[in-house]
Amino acid sequence: MKDFFYAIQDLFVDTLLVPMDALRALELENWFAASTISWIFAIIGLVAMVYWMLQLKKYSDNDEEDKSISAHSYL
């Protein structure tokens, strides 16, 4: 069982979080470059959220969804 948790640790520490370690090391060398990269990711996230909200609004304005109280069986 202990090997299972070490495998999860190796997956995250040695593989998935390597870009975060590189960004942390970059911040110690050049703060402006690290901040620029962070702002780029924040802008990408904002654009994706705006796109998603516009898509939801488009489908909501289309009035194809059944919004009656008996539309879902769990209600």
N, C-alpha and C. Protein backbone atom coordinates (compact mmCIF):
# COMPACT_ATOMS: atom_id res chain seq x y z
N MET A 1 0.82 -1.20 0.00
CA MET A 1 0.00 0.00 0.00
C MET A 1 0.87 1.26 0.00
N LYS A 2 2.01 1.15 0.68
CA LYS A 2 2.92 2.28 0.75
C LYS A 2 3.47 2.62 -0.64
N ASP A 3 3.69 1.60 -1.46
CA ASP A 3 4.19 1.83 -2.81
C ASP A 3 3.19 2.59 -3.67
N PHE A 4 1.90 2.37 -3.42
CA PHE A 4 0.86 3.08 -4.16
C PHE A 4 0.96 4.58 -3.91
N PHE A 5 1.12 4.96 -2.66
CA PHE A 5 1.21 6.38 -2.34
C PHE A 5 2.53 6.99 -2.83
N TYR A 6 3.60 6.21 -2.82
CA TYR A 6 4.85 6.70 -3.40
C TYR A 6 4.73 6.88 -4.91
N ALA A 7 3.95 6.03 -5.55
CA ALA A 7 3.73 6.17 -6.99
C ALA A 7 2.96 7.45 -7.29
N ILE A 8 1.97 7.77 -6.46
CA ILE A 8 1.23 9.03 -6.63
C ILE A 8 2.17 10.21 -6.42
N GLN A 9 3.02 10.13 -5.40
CA GLN A 9 3.99 11.20 -5.15
C GLN A 9 4.93 11.37 -6.34
N ASP A 10 5.44 10.29 -6.86
CA ASP A 10 6.34 10.37 -8.01
C ASP A 10 5.63 10.96 -9.22
N LEU A 11 4.37 10.61 -9.43
CA LEU A 11 3.62 11.13 -10.56
C LEU A 11 3.52 12.65 -10.48
N PHE A 12 3.13 13.15 -9.32
CA PHE A 12 2.94 14.58 -9.20
C PHE A 12 4.26 15.34 -9.10
N VAL A 13 5.17 14.90 -8.25
CA VAL A 13 6.40 15.65 -8.00
C VAL A 13 7.33 15.59 -9.20
N ASP A 14 7.49 14.42 -9.79
CA ASP A 14 8.47 14.24 -10.85
C ASP A 14 7.92 14.48 -12.25
N THR A 15 6.60 14.57 -12.41
CA THR A 15 6.03 14.70 -13.74
C THR A 15 5.11 15.89 -13.89
N LEU A 16 4.04 15.92 -13.13
CA LEU A 16 2.98 16.90 -13.37
C LEU A 16 3.30 18.29 -12.85
N LEU A 17 4.08 18.40 -11.81
CA LEU A 17 4.36 19.70 -11.22
C LEU A 17 5.72 20.27 -11.60
N VAL A 18 6.38 19.67 -12.56
CA VAL A 18 7.68 20.17 -13.02
C VAL A 18 7.57 21.58 -13.60
N PRO A 19 6.53 21.91 -14.39
CA PRO A 19 6.43 23.30 -14.86
C PRO A 19 6.29 24.31 -13.73
N MET A 20 5.61 23.95 -12.66
CA MET A 20 5.49 24.87 -11.52
C MET A 20 6.84 25.08 -10.84
N ASP A 21 7.64 24.03 -10.76
CA ASP A 21 8.98 24.18 -10.19
C ASP A 21 9.84 25.09 -11.06
N ALA A 22 9.69 24.96 -12.38
CA ALA A 22 10.45 25.82 -13.29
C ALA A 22 10.02 27.27 -13.15
N LEU A 23 8.73 27.51 -12.99
CA LEU A 23 8.23 28.87 -12.80
C LEU A 23 8.73 29.45 -11.48
N ARG A 24 8.76 28.63 -10.45
CA ARG A 24 9.27 29.08 -9.15
C ARG A 24 10.76 29.42 -9.24
N ALA A 25 11.52 28.63 -9.97
CA ALA A 25 12.95 28.93 -10.15
C ALA A 25 13.14 30.18 -11.00
N LEU A 26 12.28 30.37 -12.00
CA LEU A 26 12.37 31.57 -12.83
C LEU A 26 12.08 32.83 -12.03
N GLU A 27 11.18 32.72 -11.06
CA GLU A 27 10.84 33.88 -10.24
C GLU A 27 12.04 34.37 -9.44
N LEU A 28 12.89 33.46 -9.02
CA LEU A 28 14.08 33.87 -8.27
C LEU A 28 15.10 34.55 -9.17
N GLU A 29 15.12 34.20 -10.45
CA GLU A 29 16.06 34.80 -11.38
C GLU A 29 15.53 36.10 -11.98
N ASN A 30 14.28 36.08 -12.44
CA ASN A 30 13.71 37.24 -13.12
C ASN A 30 12.23 37.33 -12.76
N TRP A 31 11.92 38.24 -11.85
CA TRP A 31 10.55 38.37 -11.36
C TRP A 31 9.60 38.82 -12.47
N PHE A 32 10.05 39.72 -13.34
CA PHE A 32 9.18 40.23 -14.40
C PHE A 32 8.79 39.13 -15.39
N ALA A 33 9.70 38.26 -15.72
CA ALA A 33 9.38 37.15 -16.64
C ALA A 33 8.37 36.20 -16.01
N ALA A 34 8.56 35.88 -14.74
CA ALA A 34 7.63 34.99 -14.06
C ALA A 34 6.25 35.63 -13.95
N SER A 35 6.20 36.92 -13.67
CA SER A 35 4.92 37.61 -13.58
C SER A 35 4.24 37.69 -14.94
N THR A 36 5.02 37.89 -15.99
CA THR A 36 4.46 37.93 -17.34
C THR A 36 3.83 36.59 -17.70
N ILE A 37 4.50 35.52 -17.39
CA ILE A 37 3.95 34.19 -17.67
C ILE A 37 2.66 33.97 -16.87
N SER A 38 2.65 34.38 -15.62
CA SER A 38 1.45 34.24 -14.80
C SER A 38 0.29 35.06 -15.36
N TRP A 39 0.58 36.28 -15.82
CA TRP A 39 -0.47 37.12 -16.42
C TRP A 39 -0.99 36.53 -17.72
N ILE A 40 -0.11 35.91 -18.50
CA ILE A 40 -0.55 35.28 -19.74
C ILE A 40 -1.53 34.15 -19.42
N PHE A 41 -1.21 33.33 -18.42
CA PHE A 41 -2.12 32.25 -18.03
C PHE A 41 -3.43 32.80 -17.49
N ALA A 42 -3.38 33.89 -16.74
CA ALA A 42 -4.61 34.49 -16.21
C ALA A 42 -5.47 35.03 -17.35
N ILE A 43 -4.87 35.63 -18.36
CA ILE A 43 -5.62 36.15 -19.50
C ILE A 43 -6.24 35.01 -20.31
N ILE A 44 -5.49 33.93 -20.49
CA ILE A 44 -6.03 32.76 -21.20
C ILE A 44 -7.24 32.22 -20.44
N GLY A 45 -7.15 32.13 -19.12
CA GLY A 45 -8.28 31.66 -18.32
C GLY A 45 -9.48 32.59 -18.42
N LEU A 46 -9.23 33.89 -18.42
CA LEU A 46 -10.32 34.87 -18.54
C LEU A 46 -11.00 34.76 -19.90
N VAL A 47 -10.23 34.63 -20.95
CA VAL A 47 -10.80 34.50 -22.30
C VAL A 47 -11.62 33.21 -22.39
N ALA A 48 -11.12 32.12 -21.82
CA ALA A 48 -11.87 30.86 -21.84
C ALA A 48 -13.17 30.99 -21.07
N MET A 49 -13.15 31.70 -19.93
CA MET A 49 -14.38 31.87 -19.15
C MET A 49 -15.40 32.72 -19.91
N VAL A 50 -14.94 33.80 -20.55
CA VAL A 50 -15.85 34.65 -21.32
C VAL A 50 -16.45 33.87 -22.48
N TYR A 51 -15.63 33.08 -23.17
CA TYR A 51 -16.13 32.25 -24.26
C TYR A 51 -17.19 31.27 -23.76
N TRP A 52 -16.92 30.63 -22.62
CA TRP A 52 -17.86 29.66 -22.06
C TRP A 52 -19.17 30.34 -21.68
N MET A 53 -19.09 31.52 -21.07
CA MET A 53 -20.31 32.24 -20.69
C MET A 53 -21.12 32.66 -21.92
N LEU A 54 -20.44 33.08 -22.98
CA LEU A 54 -21.15 33.45 -24.21
C LEU A 54 -21.82 32.23 -24.84
N GLN A 55 -21.16 31.09 -24.79
CA GLN A 55 -21.78 29.88 -25.31
C GLN A 55 -23.00 29.49 -24.49
N LEU A 56 -22.91 29.60 -23.16
CA LEU A 56 -24.06 29.29 -22.32
C LEU A 56 -25.21 30.25 -22.58
N LYS A 57 -24.90 31.52 -22.79
CA LYS A 57 -25.94 32.50 -23.08
C LYS A 57 -26.60 32.21 -24.42
N LYS A 58 -25.79 31.79 -25.41
CA LYS A 58 -26.34 31.46 -26.73
C LYS A 58 -27.33 30.31 -26.62
N TYR A 59 -26.98 29.27 -25.87
CA TYR A 59 -27.89 28.14 -25.72
C TYR A 59 -29.08 28.50 -24.85
N SER A 60 -28.90 29.39 -23.89
CA SER A 60 -30.02 29.81 -23.05
C SER A 60 -31.00 30.67 -23.85
N ASP A 61 -30.49 31.53 -24.73
CA ASP A 61 -31.36 32.38 -25.55
C ASP A 61 -32.08 31.59 -26.63
N ASN A 62 -31.60 30.40 -26.96
CA ASN A 62 -32.20 29.57 -28.00
C ASN A 62 -33.54 28.98 -27.56
N ASP A 63 -33.80 28.94 -26.26
CA ASP A 63 -35.05 28.44 -25.67
C ASP A 63 -35.40 27.02 -26.10
N GLU A 64 -34.42 26.17 -26.23
CA GLU A 64 -34.68 24.76 -26.54
C GLU A 64 -34.74 23.90 -25.29
N GLU A 65 -34.27 24.41 -24.18
CA GLU A 65 -34.23 23.63 -22.96
C GLU A 65 -35.61 23.61 -22.31
N ASP A 66 -35.99 22.43 -21.86
CA ASP A 66 -37.25 22.27 -21.16
C ASP A 66 -37.04 22.68 -19.70
N LYS A 67 -37.58 23.82 -19.31
CA LYS A 67 -37.37 24.34 -17.96
C LYS A 67 -38.58 24.13 -17.07
N SER A 68 -39.46 23.25 -17.45
CA SER A 68 -40.63 22.98 -16.60
C SER A 68 -40.19 22.23 -15.34
N ILE A 69 -41.06 22.22 -14.36
CA ILE A 69 -40.70 21.62 -13.08
C ILE A 69 -40.56 20.11 -13.18
N SER A 70 -41.18 19.49 -14.18
CA SER A 70 -41.08 18.04 -14.34
C SER A 70 -40.10 17.66 -15.45
N ALA A 71 -39.19 18.54 -15.77
CA ALA A 71 -38.25 18.27 -16.85
C ALA A 71 -37.24 17.18 -16.48
N HIS A 72 -36.91 17.07 -15.19
CA HIS A 72 -35.96 16.08 -14.76
C HIS A 72 -36.64 15.11 -13.82
N SER A 73 -36.26 13.85 -13.95
CA SER A 73 -36.92 12.81 -13.17
C SER A 73 -36.62 12.93 -11.68
N TYR A 74 -35.48 13.49 -11.31
CA TYR A 74 -35.13 13.57 -9.90
C TYR A 74 -35.86 14.71 -9.19
N LEU A 75 -36.53 15.59 -9.94
CA LEU A 75 -37.33 16.65 -9.31
C LEU A 75 -38.69 16.09 -9.01
